[in-house]
Every structure is written in structure tokens, then in C-alpha cells.
Amino acid sequence: MCTRREFLERSAAAATMGLAGPSVSQARPQDAGKSAQLLSDFSLSLEQMRASTGVTGASFAYWDGARLHTAVAGLRNSVTGDPVTSDTVMHVGSITKLMTTTLVMQLVDEGKISLEDPLVAHLPKFRLRDTRALQRITCRMLLNHTSGINGEWLPEYGPDQERIVDTIDRCADLGQLYEPGAETSYCNVAMVIAGFLVQEQLNESWYTLIKNRIYEPLGMNHALVDPLDVPRFRASIGDLSDAATGKFVQTTRAFLAPSFAPAGSTQMSTATDLVRFAHALVIAGNDTNGERILSAAARRQMLEPTASFVQIGPTPVKVGLGWMIYPGGVVGHGGGGPGVSSQLYAHPASARAVALLTNCDKGEALTAAYLQPILESWTGLKAEKLQPKRIKGPWNPGLYVGTYENNADRYIVSVQDDALALRTQDKLASYDNTKEETAATLLYPVGSDTFGVAAAGTTPTHGPIRFVRPGADGKMRFLASGERLLARSSS
């Protein structure tokens, strides 16, 4: 089965190879024709591509600048055989971070906080292990993944200990991956802190604030953040693929820990309602719905680059506030979970937005096949797969060998047969099929301290990785995998 770590690796590989956002190559004329054919019949093409990629079910919505197109395909529940319908709510995962960011920006609009304020100015009782670093973390750093907090994920403690405030209390045990503002690494815990900040400032539950300040003003009638609301909706459930048999097994984890809700563990929506949200946030301009949730100035701030992830492949990914920013003016965010793969993109310049939600861990394959032509039609830029060539000649493995970690994952790098051997370990069991350790993948150097070519005859279980920030001894201090950094913990 595809574990949490393998899902992150495959999703990261898709992003770095240009599958999650357009690269900088010009699309060929024949590509434009292919895109036009795809856009002509969404329902037919979605079902065809869903079947060919083996995805259980999919929900799609596309605002083309003038009107809304929708399509659904496959099953919302592979056990009962119920189909996906236009009102089926599906997990959106980390796309939720955009809504949490919107709530924070509403505080900015209302003059309750400034993005440059130290976090402790508004949460004086909040604690991290590194008290010195805590004093330097600003509200902005929570939203653009630069806080340095070592908080990929946390263990789950059972339903009666999974409030948002429980994650906040557990932060007292978290250290730093790096000094605040020094690097950029995707951080789930930081977004939970942002959600808690809003709760404290407005003296209302984050769940209630999402409903009252986003759902209701925008007419998002088929969306939920509180799992107790699920019986009111037709809800999907995710499938996990078994690598040995190729068959799906339905997850028993319908939701990840509710204490991580502001980071994306509980929200479900239709694709249509997600596009409605994106339209209000980046396209609506000064119309009624746009102004109702956020000022024009705040929306512009969210779209401006504030940081950059370490670039591994041909597609650089910058970070706004909440949004990921891709070449060609495309902004977006993805989401994952047990049997969940979701994507939301928008293109402010052409007033377009698109969402694709799936309920199995092969969903990124459908994203690549179905969404990429749409993104190319927006920008004229064609995505390119990373096809690096192995660099021949001597290289110094001593710069890279070692163990690299965050609080949830461990990467063990050794040398084998003139290649780097990479093994990964999930330190926390968050999926049904979490493995203690993956088999080693042999990776060869491709330049710029990047390793991305697997040994001949092997199937890589990891995306390309890059080593960055050498210390005084020349050894690399960080390993970059997708949007995440892992810090060296041993030689």
C-alpha cells in the first residue's frame, strides 16, 4: 500500500517534475489542440481518464472566466458502490490552509493584528522548546512556512484529547528545524497555531469561524469542517492501494486528528464550492462576494511571493500567504490524507480557477493527466518532466551520508554501489499502512547536489532529493524533499 511517506514522496516528485504547475517551456501548437479537445467535454474526458489512471472517484469544477463547468466520475465509496454525485463532499486536505490564512488576513483587515507582529504579542502563553526562537516568530511566518518549527505532524491521543488547543499545548515539546525566517519548509503545526491565533483573537471556535466568515458569505452550502456534520452530506471515503496486489483497501481513517483541523485534517467540500472560494479570493476583484470575506489589499498580499522552497526540479515554487505560486502566474494548493489527493488552482490574470478532488492515493496521476492541459491553456507554458542525466566521474559521498530528520520522518543516507542508498522511516503512524521503514532506493548524482536517477532495473520509491546548506566541515546540513527540509541529525 501507499504509505503517508510514499504519498508525500510521490506528490513531491509530481510537483518538482512540473506536474503540479507549469514549467517554462512554450506549449507546442498540437498541445493547444489537445487542450481544446479536452475542454470540450469534461464529463466524458474525466471518466475516461479516471478509469485509465485507476482512480476510485473524482469531482471536478472549472470556472473558465465566464461560466462554471462541472463533472464527476467513479465511486464515492468503493465498498458500497455509491457513485460520486455533484453534491458529494470529498476531503480537501491541506487546501484548508488557504481558509485558515483567510481568517488570519481578516484579522489584519480588522486591525487586530499585523503580519509583522511577534506571535507572542498575541499568544503570550504559547510555548516552544526554543524560547529564544519563539520570540522571533512573526504572524507572517506561520502563513509562509518560514517559522522553522519542527512540526510536520504529531501523534494522535484519542478523540477526547484531539482539540485544536491540545496541539497548541504539545508545541511546548517541539524544537526548531532552523532559525525563524532562515529557510522555507512546509509546516503543518504552524498553520494549526494560526488557526488557534484566530480563535483567541475572536473568542470563537475555528470551526464556527470557517462557517460564519467563509462558507455562509460565499454560499458554500456543500462544505464542512466539523466531522459531526458528515451525516448531513453525501460524503466520500478514501482508498489506499496495495502495491503487491494492485487492489484498493478502504481506509479506516476517515479523518486524521481533529487537533490538526486548521492544517487540513477535517475539511470536506465539493469541487464547485472550492472553486467558489477561489473565485472570491483571487478573481472576484471588488465585487460583493470578494469584499465580503477579504479586502482587495489583503487578497493581493496573499498572492505576492514571500519565500521560496528549495528548487529540486525544473519548476520553482514560491510561497505567498497560504498560496503556492508557480510560473505563468498560476497559484494553487494541494491536499492529501489517507486515500485523499486534491488540487485547487487559480489564474488571476485570466480570471480562471479549477479544482479536482479524488478519493484514492493514485489521485496525483489523474491530476497530471487531467489538470495539466488546463493549466497549459491558461499560460501557454508546457510542463516538463524531470529527466536528469547521471553525472559521471568522481563525487564525494561524505558530504551527504548521514541521517536527516524532522519530527515525523527520518531519511537515512548511505553509500552503495557508487550511489546513494536512501531509506525512509515514518516515525509516527498516521495512515493505516504506515511502514516503519521503506526499502532502499539507489540514487545517482545529477548535479547541484541533487540525486534523482535510480539504479537501472529498479523502481524508485522516492522522488528526487537535494542537499543544501553545507556546514563548516562541508557536510550538508539539510536534505530537501519536495517542499520539506529535514535537518542532519548524525554523520
Protein backbone atom coordinates (compact mmCIF):
# COMPACT_ATOMS: atom_id res chain seq x y z
CA MET A 1 0.00 0.00 0.00
CA CYS A 2 0.97 3.63 -0.40
CA THR A 3 2.04 4.95 2.98
CA ARG A 4 1.94 8.55 4.18
CA ARG A 5 5.64 8.96 3.45
CA GLU A 6 5.33 7.40 -0.01
CA PHE A 7 2.34 9.62 -0.75
CA LEU A 8 4.36 12.71 0.20
CA GLU A 9 7.28 11.48 -1.89
CA ARG A 10 5.13 10.83 -4.96
CA SER A 11 3.30 14.14 -4.61
CA ALA A 12 6.58 15.98 -4.14
CA ALA A 13 8.03 14.25 -7.18
CA ALA A 14 5.00 15.32 -9.22
CA ALA A 15 5.47 18.92 -8.14
CA THR A 16 9.19 19.03 -8.84
CA MET A 17 8.72 17.38 -12.23
CA GLY A 18 6.27 20.04 -13.32
CA LEU A 19 3.08 18.06 -12.82
CA ALA A 20 1.70 20.37 -10.15
CA GLY A 21 2.38 23.58 -12.01
CA PRO A 22 3.55 24.69 -15.43
CA SER A 23 7.23 24.83 -16.26
CA VAL A 24 8.80 27.41 -18.53
CA SER A 25 8.71 25.66 -21.90
CA GLN A 26 6.37 27.03 -24.56
CA ALA A 27 3.47 24.74 -25.44
CA ARG A 28 3.52 23.36 -28.98
CA PRO A 29 0.58 24.11 -31.38
CA GLN A 30 -0.56 20.48 -31.25
CA ASP A 31 -0.73 20.73 -27.45
CA ALA A 32 -3.19 23.59 -27.74
CA GLY A 33 -5.40 21.40 -29.93
CA LYS A 34 -5.27 18.62 -27.36
CA SER A 35 -6.25 21.06 -24.62
CA ALA A 36 -9.19 22.37 -26.67
CA GLN A 37 -10.45 18.83 -27.21
CA LEU A 38 -10.16 18.08 -23.51
CA LEU A 39 -12.07 21.21 -22.54
CA SER A 40 -14.94 20.43 -24.91
CA ASP A 41 -16.46 17.57 -22.90
CA PHE A 42 -15.42 17.45 -19.27
CA SER A 43 -17.69 14.62 -18.16
CA LEU A 44 -16.56 12.21 -20.87
CA SER A 45 -12.88 13.01 -20.53
CA LEU A 46 -12.95 12.87 -16.72
CA GLU A 47 -14.48 9.40 -16.74
CA GLN A 48 -12.05 8.18 -19.39
CA MET A 49 -9.03 9.47 -17.52
CA ARG A 50 -10.35 8.32 -14.14
CA ALA A 51 -10.67 4.79 -15.49
CA SER A 52 -7.29 4.83 -17.20
CA THR A 53 -5.47 6.07 -14.08
CA GLY A 54 -7.31 3.69 -11.74
CA VAL A 55 -8.74 6.43 -9.52
CA THR A 56 -11.78 5.47 -7.41
CA GLY A 57 -13.77 8.68 -7.75
CA ALA A 58 -13.36 12.30 -8.79
CA SER A 59 -15.15 15.63 -8.52
CA PHE A 60 -14.20 18.50 -10.84
CA ALA A 61 -15.17 22.15 -11.23
CA TYR A 62 -13.77 24.78 -13.58
CA TRP A 63 -14.52 28.49 -13.87
CA ASP A 64 -13.31 29.37 -17.39
CA GLY A 65 -13.54 33.12 -16.91
CA ALA A 66 -17.18 33.34 -17.90
CA ARG A 67 -19.03 30.24 -16.72
CA LEU A 68 -18.75 27.20 -14.48
CA HIS A 69 -18.18 23.66 -15.76
CA THR A 70 -18.56 20.62 -13.50
CA ALA A 71 -18.07 16.89 -13.84
CA VAL A 72 -18.00 13.82 -11.61
CA ALA A 73 -16.83 10.26 -12.17
CA GLY A 74 -16.43 6.97 -10.34
CA LEU A 75 -17.41 5.96 -6.82
CA ARG A 76 -17.60 7.94 -3.61
CA ASN A 77 -17.47 4.67 -1.66
CA SER A 78 -15.81 1.62 -3.21
CA VAL A 79 -17.36 -0.76 -0.66
CA THR A 80 -20.99 0.28 -1.09
CA GLY A 81 -20.63 1.12 -4.78
CA ASP A 82 -22.26 4.56 -4.39
CA PRO A 83 -21.29 6.94 -7.19
CA VAL A 84 -19.80 10.38 -6.88
CA THR A 85 -22.51 12.99 -7.47
CA SER A 86 -22.33 16.76 -7.90
CA ASP A 87 -23.18 17.24 -4.21
CA THR A 88 -20.68 14.67 -2.88
CA VAL A 89 -18.27 16.22 -0.39
CA MET A 90 -14.70 14.96 -0.59
CA HIS A 91 -11.65 15.60 1.57
CA VAL A 92 -9.63 18.65 0.54
CA GLY A 93 -6.70 18.12 2.93
CA SER A 94 -4.22 20.96 3.12
CA ILE A 95 -6.21 23.24 0.82
CA THR A 96 -7.75 24.12 4.17
CA LYS A 97 -4.61 26.17 4.87
CA LEU A 98 -5.91 28.76 2.41
CA MET A 99 -9.03 29.20 4.52
CA THR A 100 -7.09 29.43 7.76
CA THR A 101 -4.88 32.04 6.09
CA THR A 102 -8.00 33.93 5.01
CA LEU A 103 -9.18 34.09 8.62
CA VAL A 104 -5.80 35.48 9.70
CA MET A 105 -5.94 38.08 6.93
CA GLN A 106 -9.40 39.09 8.15
CA LEU A 107 -7.74 39.91 11.49
CA VAL A 108 -5.30 42.09 9.55
CA ASP A 109 -8.19 43.79 7.75
CA GLU A 110 -9.85 44.50 11.08
CA GLY A 111 -6.70 45.95 12.60
CA LYS A 112 -6.47 43.26 15.28
CA ILE A 113 -3.00 42.08 14.26
CA SER A 114 -0.14 42.92 11.90
CA LEU A 115 1.69 40.22 9.98
CA GLU A 116 4.96 41.56 11.37
CA ASP A 117 3.79 41.24 14.98
CA PRO A 118 5.67 38.72 17.11
CA LEU A 119 3.42 35.72 17.68
CA VAL A 120 3.89 36.01 21.45
CA ALA A 121 2.39 39.51 21.37
CA HIS A 122 -0.97 37.86 20.70
CA LEU A 123 -0.39 34.43 22.28
CA PRO A 124 1.66 35.26 25.41
CA LYS A 125 1.08 31.82 26.94
CA PHE A 126 2.23 29.94 23.84
CA ARG A 127 5.39 27.88 24.32
CA LEU A 128 8.06 26.19 22.19
CA ARG A 129 11.12 24.34 23.45
CA ASP A 130 13.38 27.03 22.00
CA THR A 131 12.23 30.12 23.88
CA ARG A 132 14.72 32.36 22.08
CA ALA A 133 13.45 31.34 18.64
CA LEU A 134 9.85 31.78 19.79
CA GLN A 135 10.44 35.48 20.39
CA ARG A 136 11.42 35.91 16.72
CA ILE A 137 8.49 34.10 15.09
CA THR A 138 6.04 36.52 13.47
CA CYS A 139 2.44 36.01 12.40
CA ARG A 140 3.59 36.07 8.76
CA MET A 141 5.95 33.15 9.33
CA LEU A 142 3.02 30.92 10.27
CA LEU A 143 1.48 31.50 6.85
CA ASN A 144 4.50 31.16 4.56
CA HIS A 145 6.27 28.15 6.12
CA THR A 146 9.31 30.06 7.40
CA SER A 147 8.77 29.73 11.17
CA GLY A 148 11.25 26.84 11.42
CA ILE A 149 9.05 25.00 13.93
CA ASN A 150 9.79 21.26 13.75
CA GLY A 151 6.15 20.26 13.40
CA GLU A 152 5.37 18.06 10.40
CA TRP A 153 2.87 16.01 12.41
CA LEU A 154 2.16 14.82 15.94
CA PRO A 155 0.99 11.53 17.46
CA GLU A 156 -2.75 11.08 17.96
CA TYR A 157 -4.05 10.74 21.51
CA GLY A 158 -7.65 9.62 21.02
CA PRO A 159 -10.91 11.53 20.44
CA ASP A 160 -11.09 13.10 23.90
CA GLN A 161 -7.61 14.64 23.53
CA GLU A 162 -7.79 15.94 19.99
CA ARG A 163 -8.91 19.54 20.31
CA ILE A 164 -7.04 22.31 18.48
CA VAL A 165 -5.80 23.58 21.84
CA ASP A 166 -4.28 20.15 22.52
CA THR A 167 -1.90 20.59 19.58
CA ILE A 168 -1.03 24.05 20.93
CA ASP A 169 -0.16 22.59 24.34
CA ARG A 170 2.02 19.90 22.71
CA CYS A 171 4.06 22.55 20.89
CA ALA A 172 5.97 23.13 24.13
CA ASP A 173 7.93 19.95 23.28
CA LEU A 174 8.77 20.99 19.69
CA GLY A 175 12.19 22.27 18.68
CA GLN A 176 13.34 24.16 15.59
CA LEU A 177 14.46 22.81 12.21
CA TYR A 178 16.16 26.15 11.59
CA GLU A 179 16.19 29.72 12.86
CA PRO A 180 12.92 31.62 12.21
CA GLY A 181 12.97 33.13 8.73
CA ALA A 182 16.22 31.45 7.69
CA GLU A 183 14.71 28.75 5.44
CA THR A 184 11.38 27.62 3.99
CA SER A 185 9.91 24.21 4.85
CA TYR A 186 6.28 23.15 4.79
CA CYS A 187 4.94 23.14 8.36
CA ASN A 188 1.55 21.77 9.40
CA VAL A 189 1.85 22.77 13.05
CA ALA A 190 2.42 26.42 12.14
CA MET A 191 -0.97 26.53 10.43
CA VAL A 192 -2.66 24.98 13.47
CA ILE A 193 -1.10 27.77 15.53
CA ALA A 194 -2.50 30.28 13.02
CA GLY A 195 -5.97 28.79 13.47
CA PHE A 196 -5.62 28.99 17.24
CA LEU A 197 -4.50 32.61 16.95
CA VAL A 198 -7.76 33.44 15.19
CA GLN A 199 -9.77 31.60 17.85
CA GLU A 200 -8.10 33.56 20.62
CA GLN A 201 -8.50 36.92 18.90
CA LEU A 202 -12.19 36.47 18.08
CA ASN A 203 -13.15 34.29 21.05
CA GLU A 204 -14.91 31.78 18.81
CA SER A 205 -14.14 28.26 17.62
CA TRP A 206 -12.12 27.95 14.42
CA TYR A 207 -14.86 25.63 13.12
CA THR A 208 -17.52 28.27 13.70
CA LEU A 209 -15.38 30.99 12.17
CA ILE A 210 -14.88 28.99 8.96
CA LYS A 211 -18.64 28.55 8.68
CA ASN A 212 -19.63 32.11 9.58
CA ARG A 213 -16.84 34.03 7.87
CA ILE A 214 -16.25 31.96 4.71
CA TYR A 215 -18.93 29.36 4.00
CA GLU A 216 -22.00 31.48 4.67
CA PRO A 217 -20.92 34.70 2.89
CA LEU A 218 -19.90 32.73 -0.20
CA GLY A 219 -22.87 30.36 -0.25
CA MET A 220 -20.67 27.31 0.23
CA ASN A 221 -23.56 25.02 1.16
CA HIS A 222 -21.74 21.77 0.45
CA ALA A 223 -18.68 22.10 2.65
CA LEU A 224 -17.86 21.11 6.22
CA VAL A 225 -15.01 21.30 8.71
CA ASP A 226 -16.68 19.60 11.67
CA PRO A 227 -16.82 15.80 11.22
CA LEU A 228 -20.06 15.79 13.22
CA ASP A 229 -21.70 17.41 10.17
CA VAL A 230 -20.92 14.46 7.89
CA PRO A 231 -24.38 12.80 8.22
CA ARG A 232 -25.90 15.88 6.57
CA PHE A 233 -24.00 15.22 3.33
CA ARG A 234 -23.14 12.58 0.75
CA ALA A 235 -19.54 12.03 1.81
CA SER A 236 -16.72 10.09 0.14
CA ILE A 237 -14.13 7.91 1.83
CA GLY A 238 -10.61 7.19 0.63
CA ASP A 239 -8.96 4.08 -0.79
CA LEU A 240 -5.35 3.01 -0.25
CA SER A 241 -3.59 0.98 -2.94
CA ASP A 242 -1.88 -2.29 -2.16
CA ALA A 243 1.43 -2.38 -4.03
CA ALA A 244 1.50 -6.19 -4.01
CA THR A 245 -1.95 -6.82 -5.49
CA GLY A 246 -2.78 -3.52 -7.17
CA LYS A 247 -6.14 -3.54 -5.41
CA PHE A 248 -7.60 -0.87 -3.18
CA VAL A 249 -8.35 -1.21 0.51
CA GLN A 250 -10.68 1.34 2.05
CA THR A 251 -9.05 3.37 4.79
CA THR A 252 -10.30 3.04 8.36
CA ARG A 253 -9.06 6.59 8.97
CA ALA A 254 -11.93 8.66 7.63
CA PHE A 255 -10.34 11.71 9.27
CA LEU A 256 -6.89 12.45 10.57
CA ALA A 257 -6.51 14.04 14.01
CA PRO A 258 -9.10 16.80 14.53
CA SER A 259 -6.50 18.72 16.53
CA PHE A 260 -4.89 19.48 13.15
CA ALA A 261 -8.11 20.77 11.58
CA PRO A 262 -6.73 24.25 10.67
CA ALA A 263 -3.94 22.50 8.75
CA GLY A 264 -6.37 20.30 6.80
CA SER A 265 -7.36 17.14 8.66
CA THR A 266 -11.16 17.51 8.61
CA GLN A 267 -12.46 19.75 5.82
CA MET A 268 -14.62 18.25 3.06
CA SER A 269 -16.19 20.08 0.13
CA THR A 270 -17.48 19.76 -3.38
CA ALA A 271 -15.18 20.89 -6.14
CA THR A 272 -17.76 23.54 -7.03
CA ASP A 273 -17.65 25.13 -3.58
CA LEU A 274 -13.84 25.16 -3.64
CA VAL A 275 -13.87 27.00 -6.96
CA ARG A 276 -16.40 29.42 -5.49
CA PHE A 277 -13.94 30.12 -2.69
CA ALA A 278 -11.01 30.58 -5.09
CA HIS A 279 -13.08 32.88 -7.29
CA ALA A 280 -13.89 35.14 -4.36
CA LEU A 281 -10.29 35.14 -3.17
CA VAL A 282 -8.32 35.85 -6.34
CA ILE A 283 -10.70 36.60 -9.21
CA ALA A 284 -13.74 38.50 -7.95
CA GLY A 285 -11.89 41.77 -7.57
CA ASN A 286 -14.09 44.24 -5.77
CA ASP A 287 -17.41 42.51 -6.29
CA THR A 288 -19.72 41.78 -3.39
CA ASN A 289 -18.57 38.27 -2.56
CA GLY A 290 -14.89 39.14 -2.75
CA GLU A 291 -15.21 42.10 -0.45
CA ARG A 292 -17.41 40.14 1.90
CA ILE A 293 -14.63 37.83 3.03
CA LEU A 294 -11.43 39.85 2.48
CA SER A 295 -10.28 43.27 1.32
CA ALA A 296 -8.65 43.71 -2.07
CA ALA A 297 -5.39 44.68 -0.34
CA ALA A 298 -5.37 41.50 1.75
CA ARG A 299 -6.09 39.34 -1.29
CA ARG A 300 -3.19 40.94 -3.15
CA GLN A 301 -0.88 40.30 -0.21
CA MET A 302 -1.73 36.62 -0.26
CA LEU A 303 -0.68 36.43 -3.92
CA GLU A 304 2.69 38.15 -3.53
CA PRO A 305 5.81 35.94 -3.21
CA THR A 306 7.25 35.98 0.29
CA ALA A 307 9.54 32.93 0.27
CA SER A 308 10.74 30.07 -1.95
CA PHE A 309 11.07 26.35 -1.40
CA VAL A 310 14.37 24.71 -2.31
CA GLN A 311 14.16 24.05 -6.04
CA ILE A 312 14.78 20.42 -6.97
CA GLY A 313 13.33 20.11 -10.48
CA PRO A 314 12.53 22.47 -13.36
CA THR A 315 9.57 24.13 -11.64
CA PRO A 316 10.36 26.72 -8.98
CA VAL A 317 7.72 27.02 -6.28
CA LYS A 318 7.36 30.27 -4.38
CA VAL A 319 5.17 30.89 -1.38
CA GLY A 320 2.73 33.73 -0.92
CA LEU A 321 0.49 33.74 2.13
CA GLY A 322 -1.29 30.40 2.00
CA TRP A 323 -0.92 30.15 -1.79
CA MET A 324 1.86 28.32 -3.63
CA ILE A 325 2.98 30.35 -6.66
CA TYR A 326 4.02 28.70 -9.94
CA PRO A 327 5.42 30.06 -13.23
CA GLY A 328 2.98 31.81 -15.51
CA GLY A 329 1.04 33.43 -12.68
CA VAL A 330 -0.67 30.23 -11.53
CA VAL A 331 -1.39 29.92 -7.81
CA GLY A 332 -2.63 26.83 -6.04
CA HIS A 333 -2.57 24.41 -3.18
CA GLY A 334 -2.86 20.66 -2.89
CA GLY A 335 -4.08 18.36 -0.17
CA GLY A 336 -3.55 14.76 0.88
CA GLY A 337 -4.57 12.25 3.52
CA PRO A 338 -5.42 8.56 3.78
CA GLY A 339 -6.76 7.89 0.30
CA VAL A 340 -7.01 11.61 -0.49
CA SER A 341 -5.47 13.68 -3.28
CA SER A 342 -6.92 17.11 -4.02
CA GLN A 343 -5.87 20.17 -6.02
CA LEU A 344 -7.04 23.77 -6.35
CA TYR A 345 -5.52 26.21 -8.87
CA ALA A 346 -6.33 29.74 -9.99
CA HIS A 347 -5.00 32.16 -12.58
CA PRO A 348 -5.86 35.72 -11.63
CA ALA A 349 -4.69 37.18 -14.95
CA SER A 350 -7.25 35.19 -16.96
CA ALA A 351 -9.87 35.00 -14.18
CA ARG A 352 -9.91 31.21 -14.10
CA ALA A 353 -9.98 28.61 -11.33
CA VAL A 354 -10.14 24.82 -11.22
CA ALA A 355 -10.50 22.13 -8.54
CA LEU A 356 -10.10 18.36 -8.76
CA LEU A 357 -10.84 16.14 -5.76
CA THR A 358 -10.20 12.40 -5.64
CA ASN A 359 -10.65 9.68 -3.03
CA CYS A 360 -7.71 7.37 -3.55
CA ASP A 361 -3.95 7.59 -3.27
CA LYS A 362 -3.50 7.39 -7.04
CA GLY A 363 -5.16 10.76 -7.41
CA GLU A 364 -2.00 12.60 -8.43
CA ALA A 365 -1.92 10.53 -11.64
CA LEU A 366 -5.33 11.93 -12.59
CA THR A 367 -4.16 15.41 -11.65
CA ALA A 368 -1.25 15.11 -14.06
CA ALA A 369 -3.38 13.75 -16.90
CA TYR A 370 -6.46 15.91 -16.48
CA LEU A 371 -5.41 19.24 -14.98
CA GLN A 372 -2.11 19.80 -16.76
CA PRO A 373 -3.65 20.59 -20.17
CA ILE A 374 -5.95 23.10 -18.46
CA LEU A 375 -3.04 24.83 -16.75
CA GLU A 376 -1.16 24.92 -20.04
CA SER A 377 -4.16 26.53 -21.74
CA TRP A 378 -4.05 29.32 -19.15
CA THR A 379 -0.39 30.23 -19.55
CA GLY A 380 0.94 28.83 -22.81
CA LEU A 381 3.64 27.10 -20.78
CA LYS A 382 4.14 23.37 -21.08
CA ALA A 383 5.07 21.25 -18.09
CA GLU A 384 8.23 19.22 -18.40
CA LYS A 385 9.11 16.03 -16.62
CA LEU A 386 12.39 15.96 -14.82
CA GLN A 387 14.67 13.77 -16.93
CA PRO A 388 18.08 14.30 -15.36
CA LYS A 389 21.18 12.57 -16.61
CA ARG A 390 23.57 10.85 -14.29
CA ILE A 391 26.81 12.72 -13.86
CA LYS A 392 29.81 10.52 -14.48
CA GLY A 393 33.05 10.99 -12.62
CA PRO A 394 34.09 11.38 -9.00
CA TRP A 395 31.86 12.81 -6.32
CA ASN A 396 32.25 12.99 -2.56
CA PRO A 397 29.66 10.87 -0.75
CA GLY A 398 30.97 12.07 2.59
CA LEU A 399 29.19 15.38 2.04
CA TYR A 400 25.79 13.68 2.00
CA VAL A 401 25.92 10.48 4.05
CA GLY A 402 24.08 10.72 7.35
CA THR A 403 20.64 10.81 8.95
CA TYR A 404 18.25 13.68 8.30
CA GLU A 405 15.05 14.19 10.28
CA ASN A 406 12.03 16.24 11.13
CA ASN A 407 9.74 15.33 13.99
CA ALA A 408 7.75 12.83 11.90
CA ASP A 409 10.17 11.46 9.29
CA ARG A 410 13.70 10.13 9.11
CA TYR A 411 15.85 9.82 5.97
CA ILE A 412 18.91 7.57 6.22
CA VAL A 413 21.52 8.16 3.52
CA SER A 414 24.39 5.72 2.97
CA VAL A 415 26.58 4.66 0.04
CA GLN A 416 26.06 1.51 -2.01
CA ASP A 417 27.46 0.53 -5.41
CA ASP A 418 28.73 4.01 -6.23
CA ALA A 419 25.30 5.52 -5.46
CA LEU A 420 23.47 6.98 -2.52
CA ALA A 421 21.17 4.50 -0.82
CA LEU A 422 18.13 6.26 0.64
CA ARG A 423 15.86 4.66 3.23
CA THR A 424 12.99 6.49 4.92
CA GLN A 425 11.19 5.87 8.17
CA ASP A 426 7.80 7.08 9.34
CA LYS A 427 8.29 7.97 12.99
CA LEU A 428 4.53 8.44 13.50
CA ALA A 429 1.78 6.04 12.43
CA SER A 430 -0.80 8.31 10.82
CA TYR A 431 -2.08 6.06 7.99
CA ASP A 432 -3.46 2.51 8.21
CA ASN A 433 -0.47 1.23 6.28
CA THR A 434 2.36 3.19 7.85
CA LYS A 435 5.64 1.30 7.44
CA GLU A 436 8.47 1.53 9.90
CA GLU A 437 10.94 1.70 7.03
CA THR A 438 10.99 1.66 3.24
CA ALA A 439 13.38 -0.37 1.15
CA ALA A 440 16.47 1.50 -0.02
CA THR A 441 16.41 3.34 -3.32
CA LEU A 442 19.75 3.83 -5.09
CA LEU A 443 20.09 7.39 -6.40
CA TYR A 444 22.83 8.78 -8.64
CA PRO A 445 24.03 12.40 -8.77
CA VAL A 446 22.58 14.69 -11.44
CA GLY A 447 24.28 17.95 -10.45
CA SER A 448 23.69 20.81 -7.98
CA ASP A 449 23.88 18.35 -5.05
CA THR A 450 20.72 16.68 -6.42
CA PHE A 451 20.20 12.93 -6.68
CA GLY A 452 17.40 11.83 -8.96
CA VAL A 453 18.30 8.83 -11.12
CA ALA A 454 17.51 5.41 -9.73
CA ALA A 455 19.65 2.39 -10.49
CA ALA A 456 18.77 0.57 -13.72
CA GLY A 457 16.11 -2.08 -13.33
CA THR A 458 14.74 -0.68 -10.07
CA THR A 459 11.52 1.09 -9.29
CA PRO A 460 12.23 4.19 -7.18
CA THR A 461 10.09 4.67 -4.08
CA HIS A 462 11.31 8.22 -3.59
CA GLY A 463 11.31 11.39 -5.61
CA PRO A 464 14.49 13.32 -6.35
CA ILE A 465 16.23 14.85 -3.35
CA ARG A 466 18.64 17.73 -2.97
CA PHE A 467 21.18 18.51 -0.27
CA VAL A 468 21.68 22.14 0.75
CA ARG A 469 23.45 24.48 3.19
CA PRO A 470 26.86 22.92 3.82
CA GLY A 471 28.39 23.49 7.24
CA ALA A 472 31.96 24.49 8.04
CA ASP A 473 33.03 20.86 7.54
CA GLY A 474 31.46 20.78 4.06
CA LYS A 475 28.74 18.34 5.07
CA MET A 476 25.23 19.24 4.02
CA ARG A 477 23.02 20.42 6.87
CA PHE A 478 19.67 19.82 5.16
CA LEU A 479 18.04 17.35 2.80
CA ALA A 480 15.23 18.79 0.67
CA SER A 481 12.39 16.52 -0.42
CA GLY A 482 9.64 18.32 -2.27
CA GLU A 483 8.54 21.22 -0.09
CA ARG A 484 10.12 19.90 3.10
CA LEU A 485 13.51 20.17 4.72
CA LEU A 486 14.97 17.54 7.02
CA ALA A 487 17.89 18.55 9.24
CA ARG A 488 21.06 16.50 9.64
CA SER A 489 20.97 14.70 12.96
CA SER A 490 24.06 12.49 12.57
CA SER A 491 27.06 11.92 10.30
